[in-house]
Amino acid sequence: MKTLLSYKWMRVKSRLNYRTSCEITPATLAGVLEIGEKVRIVDDFDCVACGHKWAKVKIGRKHYYVCAMWLEPITDTD
């Protein structure tokens, strides 16, 4: 049985690479998010690696990883 994930919306503060794992290597680079893009992140995901806290994001039908410091909450007025 699959576990249902809970998501919340966040906004990208700076041009941001998304990766296939919580590692900063050329092999893990999957794409780039642009400033102002909205992304869904998985609640309760906790990973610290390579000196950064990571967020797990859903893009399309897949999950990727981004450096969490470049995300900001979306307010009700957004």
PDB file of N, CA and C in Angstrom:
ATOM      1  N   MET A   1       0.842  -1.188   0.000  1.00  0.00           N
ATOM      2  CA  MET A   1       0.000   0.000   0.000  1.00  0.00           C
ATOM      3  C   MET A   1       0.885   1.249   0.000  1.00  0.00           C
ATOM      4  N   LYS A   2       0.578   2.185  -0.871  1.00  0.00           N
ATOM      5  CA  LYS A   2       1.355   3.419  -0.964  1.00  0.00           C
ATOM      6  C   LYS A   2       0.945   4.402   0.128  1.00  0.00           C
ATOM      7  N   THR A   3       1.924   5.138   0.629  1.00  0.00           N
ATOM      8  CA  THR A   3       1.667   6.191   1.597  1.00  0.00           C
ATOM      9  C   THR A   3       1.321   7.470   0.847  1.00  0.00           C
ATOM     10  N   LEU A   4       0.240   8.127   1.252  1.00  0.00           N
ATOM     11  CA  LEU A   4      -0.125   9.392   0.626  1.00  0.00           C
ATOM     12  C   LEU A   4       0.770  10.498   1.163  1.00  0.00           C
ATOM     13  N   LEU A   5       1.266  11.323   0.266  1.00  0.00           N
ATOM     14  CA  LEU A   5       2.128  12.434   0.657  1.00  0.00           C
ATOM     15  C   LEU A   5       1.308  13.703   0.772  1.00  0.00           C
ATOM     16  N   SER A   6       1.700  14.557   1.687  1.00  0.00           N
ATOM     17  CA  SER A   6       1.080  15.861   1.861  1.00  0.00           C
ATOM     18  C   SER A   6       2.010  16.908   1.240  1.00  0.00           C
ATOM     19  N   TYR A   7       1.428  17.866   0.520  1.00  0.00           N
ATOM     20  CA  TYR A   7       2.219  18.875  -0.182  1.00  0.00           C
ATOM     21  C   TYR A   7       1.830  20.281   0.265  1.00  0.00           C
ATOM     22  N   LYS A   8       2.750  21.225   0.047  1.00  0.00           N
ATOM     23  CA  LYS A   8       2.424  22.645   0.181  1.00  0.00           C
ATOM     24  C   LYS A   8       3.099  23.387  -0.970  1.00  0.00           C
ATOM     25  N   TRP A   9       2.547  24.537  -1.320  1.00  0.00           N
ATOM     26  CA  TRP A   9       3.081  25.335  -2.423  1.00  0.00           C
ATOM     27  C   TRP A   9       4.134  26.304  -1.916  1.00  0.00           C
ATOM     28  N   MET A  10       5.208  26.442  -2.678  1.00  0.00           N
ATOM     29  CA  MET A  10       6.282  27.393  -2.376  1.00  0.00           C
ATOM     30  C   MET A  10       6.652  28.109  -3.676  1.00  0.00           C
ATOM     31  N   ARG A  11       7.327  29.251  -3.533  1.00  0.00           N
ATOM     32  CA  ARG A  11       7.778  30.027  -4.686  1.00  0.00           C
ATOM     33  C   ARG A  11       9.306  30.023  -4.722  1.00  0.00           C
ATOM     34  N   VAL A  12       9.852  29.955  -5.932  1.00  0.00           N
ATOM     35  CA  VAL A  12      11.303  29.949  -6.140  1.00  0.00           C
ATOM     36  C   VAL A  12      11.821  31.385  -6.048  1.00  0.00           C
ATOM     37  N   LYS A  13      12.829  31.641  -5.179  1.00  0.00           N
ATOM     38  CA  LYS A  13      13.379  32.990  -4.971  1.00  0.00           C
ATOM     39  C   LYS A  13      14.527  33.323  -5.913  1.00  0.00           C
ATOM     40  N   SER A  14      15.167  32.312  -6.480  1.00  0.00           N
ATOM     41  CA  SER A  14      16.324  32.511  -7.350  1.00  0.00           C
ATOM     42  C   SER A  14      16.346  31.365  -8.351  1.00  0.00           C
ATOM     43  N   ARG A  15      16.962  31.578  -9.485  1.00  0.00           N
ATOM     44  CA  ARG A  15      17.096  30.486 -10.457  1.00  0.00           C
ATOM     45  C   ARG A  15      17.670  29.280  -9.723  1.00  0.00           C
ATOM     46  N   LEU A  16      17.046  28.122  -9.858  1.00  0.00           N
ATOM     47  CA  LEU A  16      17.324  27.006  -8.963  1.00  0.00           C
ATOM     48  C   LEU A  16      17.383  25.682  -9.716  1.00  0.00           C
ATOM     49  N   ASN A  17      18.486  24.971  -9.549  1.00  0.00           N
ATOM     50  CA  ASN A  17      18.617  23.637 -10.140  1.00  0.00           C
ATOM     51  C   ASN A  17      17.781  22.640  -9.345  1.00  0.00           C
ATOM     52  N   TYR A  18      17.120  21.727 -10.054  1.00  0.00           N
ATOM     53  CA  TYR A  18      16.509  20.595  -9.351  1.00  0.00           C
ATOM     54  C   TYR A  18      17.239  19.327  -9.752  1.00  0.00           C
ATOM     55  N   ARG A  19      17.308  18.396  -8.802  1.00  0.00           N
ATOM     56  CA  ARG A  19      18.211  17.254  -8.924  1.00  0.00           C
ATOM     57  C   ARG A  19      17.507  15.938  -8.630  1.00  0.00           C
ATOM     58  N   THR A  20      18.113  14.854  -9.096  1.00  0.00           N
ATOM     59  CA  THR A  20      17.561  13.517  -8.887  1.00  0.00           C
ATOM     60  C   THR A  20      17.881  12.957  -7.507  1.00  0.00           C
ATOM     61  N   SER A  21      18.812  13.572  -6.797  1.00  0.00           N
ATOM     62  CA  SER A  21      19.134  13.177  -5.423  1.00  0.00           C
ATOM     63  C   SER A  21      19.676  14.398  -4.678  1.00  0.00           C
ATOM     64  N   CYS A  22      19.853  14.262  -3.387  1.00  0.00           N
ATOM     65  CA  CYS A  22      20.341  15.365  -2.548  1.00  0.00           C
ATOM     66  C   CYS A  22      21.862  15.456  -2.609  1.00  0.00           C
ATOM     67  N   GLU A  23      22.399  15.531  -3.804  1.00  0.00           N
ATOM     68  CA  GLU A  23      23.837  15.653  -4.022  1.00  0.00           C
ATOM     69  C   GLU A  23      24.084  16.721  -5.082  1.00  0.00           C
ATOM     70  N   ILE A  24      25.175  17.451  -4.946  1.00  0.00           N
ATOM     71  CA  ILE A  24      25.518  18.477  -5.927  1.00  0.00           C
ATOM     72  C   ILE A  24      26.624  17.926  -6.820  1.00  0.00           C
ATOM     73  N   THR A  25      26.203  17.236  -7.877  1.00  0.00           N
ATOM     74  CA  THR A  25      27.132  16.714  -8.880  1.00  0.00           C
ATOM     75  C   THR A  25      26.502  16.921 -10.249  1.00  0.00           C
ATOM     76  N   PRO A  26      27.300  16.985 -11.303  1.00  0.00           N
ATOM     77  CA  PRO A  26      26.725  17.121 -12.644  1.00  0.00           C
ATOM     78  C   PRO A  26      25.754  15.985 -12.980  1.00  0.00           C
ATOM     79  N   ALA A  27      26.003  14.803 -12.458  1.00  0.00           N
ATOM     80  CA  ALA A  27      25.163  13.648 -12.779  1.00  0.00           C
ATOM     81  C   ALA A  27      23.754  13.744 -12.195  1.00  0.00           C
ATOM     82  N   THR A  28      23.567  14.528 -11.120  1.00  0.00           N
ATOM     83  CA  THR A  28      22.248  14.606 -10.481  1.00  0.00           C
ATOM     84  C   THR A  28      21.383  15.739 -11.030  1.00  0.00           C
ATOM     85  N   LEU A  29      21.934  16.627 -11.850  1.00  0.00           N
ATOM     86  CA  LEU A  29      21.182  17.765 -12.385  1.00  0.00           C
ATOM     87  C   LEU A  29      20.096  17.283 -13.344  1.00  0.00           C
ATOM     88  N   ALA A  30      18.840  17.668 -13.051  1.00  0.00           N
ATOM     89  CA  ALA A  30      17.716  17.251 -13.889  1.00  0.00           C
ATOM     90  C   ALA A  30      17.087  18.416 -14.643  1.00  0.00           C
ATOM     91  N   GLY A  31      17.242  19.652 -14.134  1.00  0.00           N
ATOM     92  CA  GLY A  31      16.646  20.807 -14.788  1.00  0.00           C
ATOM     93  C   GLY A  31      16.790  22.054 -13.941  1.00  0.00           C
ATOM     94  N   VAL A  32      16.120  23.132 -14.393  1.00  0.00           N
ATOM     95  CA  VAL A  32      16.226  24.432 -13.722  1.00  0.00           C
ATOM     96  C   VAL A  32      14.833  25.024 -13.530  1.00  0.00           C
ATOM     97  N   LEU A  33      14.601  25.581 -12.344  1.00  0.00           N
ATOM     98  CA  LEU A  33      13.387  26.341 -12.055  1.00  0.00           C
ATOM     99  C   LEU A  33      13.729  27.821 -12.130  1.00  0.00           C
ATOM    100  N   GLU A  34      12.813  28.621 -12.652  1.00  0.00           N
ATOM    101  CA  GLU A  34      13.046  30.056 -12.799  1.00  0.00           C
ATOM    102  C   GLU A  34      12.470  30.832 -11.615  1.00  0.00           C
ATOM    103  N   ILE A  35      12.982  32.038 -11.408  1.00  0.00           N
ATOM    104  CA  ILE A  35      12.515  32.919 -10.334  1.00  0.00           C
ATOM    105  C   ILE A  35      11.004  33.115 -10.460  1.00  0.00           C
ATOM    106  N   GLY A  36      10.305  32.987  -9.335  1.00  0.00           N
ATOM    107  CA  GLY A  36       8.864  33.210  -9.304  1.00  0.00           C
ATOM    108  C   GLY A  36       8.021  31.981  -9.585  1.00  0.00           C
ATOM    109  N   GLU A  37       8.629  30.903 -10.064  1.00  0.00           N
ATOM    110  CA  GLU A  37       7.853  29.683 -10.318  1.00  0.00           C
ATOM    111  C   GLU A  37       7.295  29.142  -9.011  1.00  0.00           C
ATOM    112  N   LYS A  38       6.098  28.554  -9.083  1.00  0.00           N
ATOM    113  CA  LYS A  38       5.488  27.909  -7.929  1.00  0.00           C
ATOM    114  C   LYS A  38       5.733  26.413  -8.044  1.00  0.00           C
ATOM    115  N   VAL A  39       6.123  25.800  -6.924  1.00  0.00           N
ATOM    116  CA  VAL A  39       6.371  24.356  -6.898  1.00  0.00           C
ATOM    117  C   VAL A  39       5.678  23.745  -5.684  1.00  0.00           C
ATOM    118  N   ARG A  40       5.327  22.481  -5.827  1.00  0.00           N
ATOM    119  CA  ARG A  40       4.744  21.743  -4.702  1.00  0.00           C
ATOM    120  C   ARG A  40       5.862  20.985  -4.008  1.00  0.00           C
ATOM    121  N   ILE A  41       5.988  21.201  -2.696  1.00  0.00           N
ATOM    122  CA  ILE A  41       7.010  20.470  -1.946  1.00  0.00           C
ATOM    123  C   ILE A  41       6.335  19.498  -0.980  1.00  0.00           C
ATOM    124  N   VAL A  42       7.021  18.410  -0.713  1.00  0.00           N
ATOM    125  CA  VAL A  42       6.516  17.384   0.194  1.00  0.00           C
ATOM    126  C   VAL A  42       6.688  17.865   1.633  1.00  0.00           C
ATOM    127  N   ASP A  43       5.584  17.872   2.386  1.00  0.00           N
ATOM    128  CA  ASP A  43       5.653  18.179   3.823  1.00  0.00           C
ATOM    129  C   ASP A  43       6.430  17.078   4.531  1.00  0.00           C
ATOM    130  N   ASP A  44       7.062  17.414   5.609  1.00  0.00           N
ATOM    131  CA  ASP A  44       7.747  16.447   6.477  1.00  0.00           C
ATOM    132  C   ASP A  44       8.892  15.707   5.800  1.00  0.00           C
ATOM    133  N   PHE A  45       9.492  16.295   4.771  1.00  0.00           N
ATOM    134  CA  PHE A  45      10.697  15.713   4.183  1.00  0.00           C
ATOM    135  C   PHE A  45      11.883  16.388   4.851  1.00  0.00           C
ATOM    136  N   ASP A  46      12.822  15.601   5.341  1.00  0.00           N
ATOM    137  CA  ASP A  46      13.958  16.158   6.070  1.00  0.00           C
ATOM    138  C   ASP A  46      15.253  15.541   5.565  1.00  0.00           C
ATOM    139  N   CYS A  47      16.064  16.352   4.896  1.00  0.00           N
ATOM    140  CA  CYS A  47      17.353  15.871   4.401  1.00  0.00           C
ATOM    141  C   CYS A  47      18.359  17.016   4.470  1.00  0.00           C
ATOM    142  N   VAL A  48      19.498  16.751   5.088  1.00  0.00           N
ATOM    143  CA  VAL A  48      20.613  17.688   5.080  1.00  0.00           C
ATOM    144  C   VAL A  48      21.785  16.948   4.460  1.00  0.00           C
ATOM    145  N   ALA A  49      22.308  17.499   3.362  1.00  0.00           N
ATOM    146  CA  ALA A  49      23.430  16.870   2.660  1.00  0.00           C
ATOM    147  C   ALA A  49      24.213  17.945   1.931  1.00  0.00           C
ATOM    148  N   CYS A  50      25.489  17.740   1.781  1.00  0.00           N
ATOM    149  CA  CYS A  50      26.369  18.686   1.074  1.00  0.00           C
ATOM    150  C   CYS A  50      26.278  20.090   1.670  1.00  0.00           C
ATOM    151  N   GLY A  51      26.007  20.180   2.973  1.00  0.00           N
ATOM    152  CA  GLY A  51      25.940  21.472   3.646  1.00  0.00           C
ATOM    153  C   GLY A  51      24.654  22.247   3.422  1.00  0.00           C
ATOM    154  N   HIS A  52      23.619  21.611   2.877  1.00  0.00           N
ATOM    155  CA  HIS A  52      22.350  22.283   2.588  1.00  0.00           C
ATOM    156  C   HIS A  52      21.173  21.471   3.111  1.00  0.00           C
ATOM    157  N   LYS A  53      20.087  22.188   3.458  1.00  0.00           N
ATOM    158  CA  LYS A  53      18.814  21.531   3.743  1.00  0.00           C
ATOM    159  C   LYS A  53      18.086  21.420   2.408  1.00  0.00           C
ATOM    160  N   TRP A  54      17.537  20.255   2.132  1.00  0.00           N
ATOM    161  CA  TRP A  54      16.903  19.988   0.848  1.00  0.00           C
ATOM    162  C   TRP A  54      15.396  19.861   0.994  1.00  0.00           C
ATOM    163  N   ALA A  55      14.681  20.240  -0.057  1.00  0.00           N
ATOM    164  CA  ALA A  55      13.238  20.041  -0.152  1.00  0.00           C
ATOM    165  C   ALA A  55      12.974  19.072  -1.297  1.00  0.00           C
ATOM    166  N   LYS A  56      11.957  18.250  -1.117  1.00  0.00           N
ATOM    167  CA  LYS A  56      11.540  17.314  -2.161  1.00  0.00           C
ATOM    168  C   LYS A  56      10.372  17.952  -2.899  1.00  0.00           C
ATOM    169  N   VAL A  57      10.514  18.159  -4.207  1.00  0.00           N
ATOM    170  CA  VAL A  57       9.497  18.845  -5.001  1.00  0.00           C
ATOM    171  C   VAL A  57       8.886  17.886  -6.014  1.00  0.00           C
ATOM    172  N   LYS A  58       7.632  18.139  -6.349  1.00  0.00           N
ATOM    173  CA  LYS A  58       6.971  17.355  -7.390  1.00  0.00           C
ATOM    174  C   LYS A  58       6.901  18.214  -8.640  1.00  0.00           C
ATOM    175  N   ILE A  59       7.495  17.714  -9.708  1.00  0.00           N
ATOM    176  CA  ILE A  59       7.478  18.395 -11.002  1.00  0.00           C
ATOM    177  C   ILE A  59       6.927  17.393 -12.004  1.00  0.00           C
ATOM    178  N   GLY A  60       5.769  17.720 -12.560  1.00  0.00           N
ATOM    179  CA  GLY A  60       5.098  16.743 -13.416  1.00  0.00           C
ATOM    180  C   GLY A  60       4.663  15.565 -12.561  1.00  0.00           C
ATOM    181  N   ARG A  61       5.055  14.367 -12.969  1.00  0.00           N
ATOM    182  CA  ARG A  61       4.691  13.158 -12.220  1.00  0.00           C
ATOM    183  C   ARG A  61       5.850  12.612 -11.390  1.00  0.00           C
ATOM    184  N   LYS A  62       6.978  13.343 -11.349  1.00  0.00           N
ATOM    185  CA  LYS A  62       8.171  12.853 -10.663  1.00  0.00           C
ATOM    186  C   LYS A  62       8.553  13.749  -9.488  1.00  0.00           C
ATOM    187  N   HIS A  63       9.350  13.194  -8.587  1.00  0.00           N
ATOM    188  CA  HIS A  63       9.900  13.945  -7.464  1.00  0.00           C
ATOM    189  C   HIS A  63      11.376  14.231  -7.698  1.00  0.00           C
ATOM    190  N   TYR A  64      11.771  15.447  -7.326  1.00  0.00           N
ATOM    191  CA  TYR A  64      13.164  15.883  -7.430  1.00  0.00           C
ATOM    192  C   TYR A  64      13.529  16.590  -6.133  1.00  0.00           C
ATOM    193  N   TYR A  65      14.763  17.102  -6.058  1.00  0.00           N
ATOM    194  CA  TYR A  65      15.267  17.732  -4.843  1.00  0.00           C
ATOM    195  C   TYR A  65      15.867  19.088  -5.176  1.00  0.00           C
ATOM    196  N   VAL A  66      15.601  20.071  -4.293  1.00  0.00           N
ATOM    197  CA  VAL A  66      16.149  21.419  -4.454  1.00  0.00           C
ATOM    198  C   VAL A  66      16.680  21.901  -3.112  1.00  0.00           C
ATOM    199  N   CYS A  67      17.588  22.860  -3.161  1.00  0.00           N
ATOM    200  CA  CYS A  67      18.102  23.496  -1.953  1.00  0.00           C
ATOM    201  C   CYS A  67      16.977  24.365  -1.369  1.00  0.00           C
ATOM    202  N   ALA A  68      16.551  24.047  -0.146  1.00  0.00           N
ATOM    203  CA  ALA A  68      15.376  24.684   0.456  1.00  0.00           C
ATOM    204  C   ALA A  68      15.552  26.174   0.720  1.00  0.00           C
ATOM    205  N   MET A  69      16.795  26.648   0.861  1.00  0.00           N
ATOM    206  CA  MET A  69      16.995  28.070   1.185  1.00  0.00           C
ATOM    207  C   MET A  69      16.526  29.001   0.064  1.00  0.00           C
ATOM    208  N   TRP A  70      16.305  28.468  -1.131  1.00  0.00           N
ATOM    209  CA  TRP A  70      15.887  29.283  -2.267  1.00  0.00           C
ATOM    210  C   TRP A  70      14.389  29.194  -2.525  1.00  0.00           C
ATOM    211  N   LEU A  71      13.640  28.733  -1.520  1.00  0.00           N
ATOM    212  CA  LEU A  71      12.180  28.671  -1.610  1.00  0.00           C
ATOM    213  C   LEU A  71      11.577  29.573  -0.546  1.00  0.00           C
ATOM    214  N   GLU A  72      10.402  30.147  -0.855  1.00  0.00           N
ATOM    215  CA  GLU A  72       9.692  30.952   0.134  1.00  0.00           C
ATOM    216  C   GLU A  72       8.218  30.562   0.120  1.00  0.00           C
ATOM    217  N   PRO A  73       7.557  30.685   1.271  1.00  0.00           N
ATOM    218  CA  PRO A  73       6.132  30.337   1.332  1.00  0.00           C
ATOM    219  C   PRO A  73       5.303  31.258   0.448  1.00  0.00           C
ATOM    220  N   ILE A  74       4.214  30.733  -0.054  1.00  0.00           N
ATOM    221  CA  ILE A  74       3.259  31.537  -0.812  1.00  0.00           C
ATOM    222  C   ILE A  74       2.176  31.968   0.163  1.00  0.00           C
ATOM    223  N   THR A  75       1.904  33.264   0.211  1.00  0.00           N
ATOM    224  CA  THR A  75       0.887  33.785   1.128  1.00  0.00           C
ATOM    225  C   THR A  75      -0.481  33.749   0.464  1.00  0.00           C
ATOM    226  N   ASP A  76      -1.512  33.980   1.257  1.00  0.00           N
ATOM    227  CA  ASP A  76      -2.881  33.981   0.738  1.00  0.00           C
ATOM    228  C   ASP A  76      -3.099  35.061  -0.310  1.00  0.00           C
ATOM    229  N   THR A  77      -2.284  36.106  -0.293  1.00  0.00           N
ATOM    230  CA  THR A  77      -2.456  37.205  -1.247  1.00  0.00           C
ATOM    231  C   THR A  77      -1.754  36.937  -2.573  1.00  0.00           C
ATOM    232  N   ASP A  78      -0.979  35.849  -2.666  1.00  0.00           N
ATOM    233  CA  ASP A  78      -0.242  35.535  -3.906  1.00  0.00           C
ATOM    234  C   ASP A  78      -1.132  34.869  -4.931  1.00  0.00           C
TER     235      ASP A  78
END
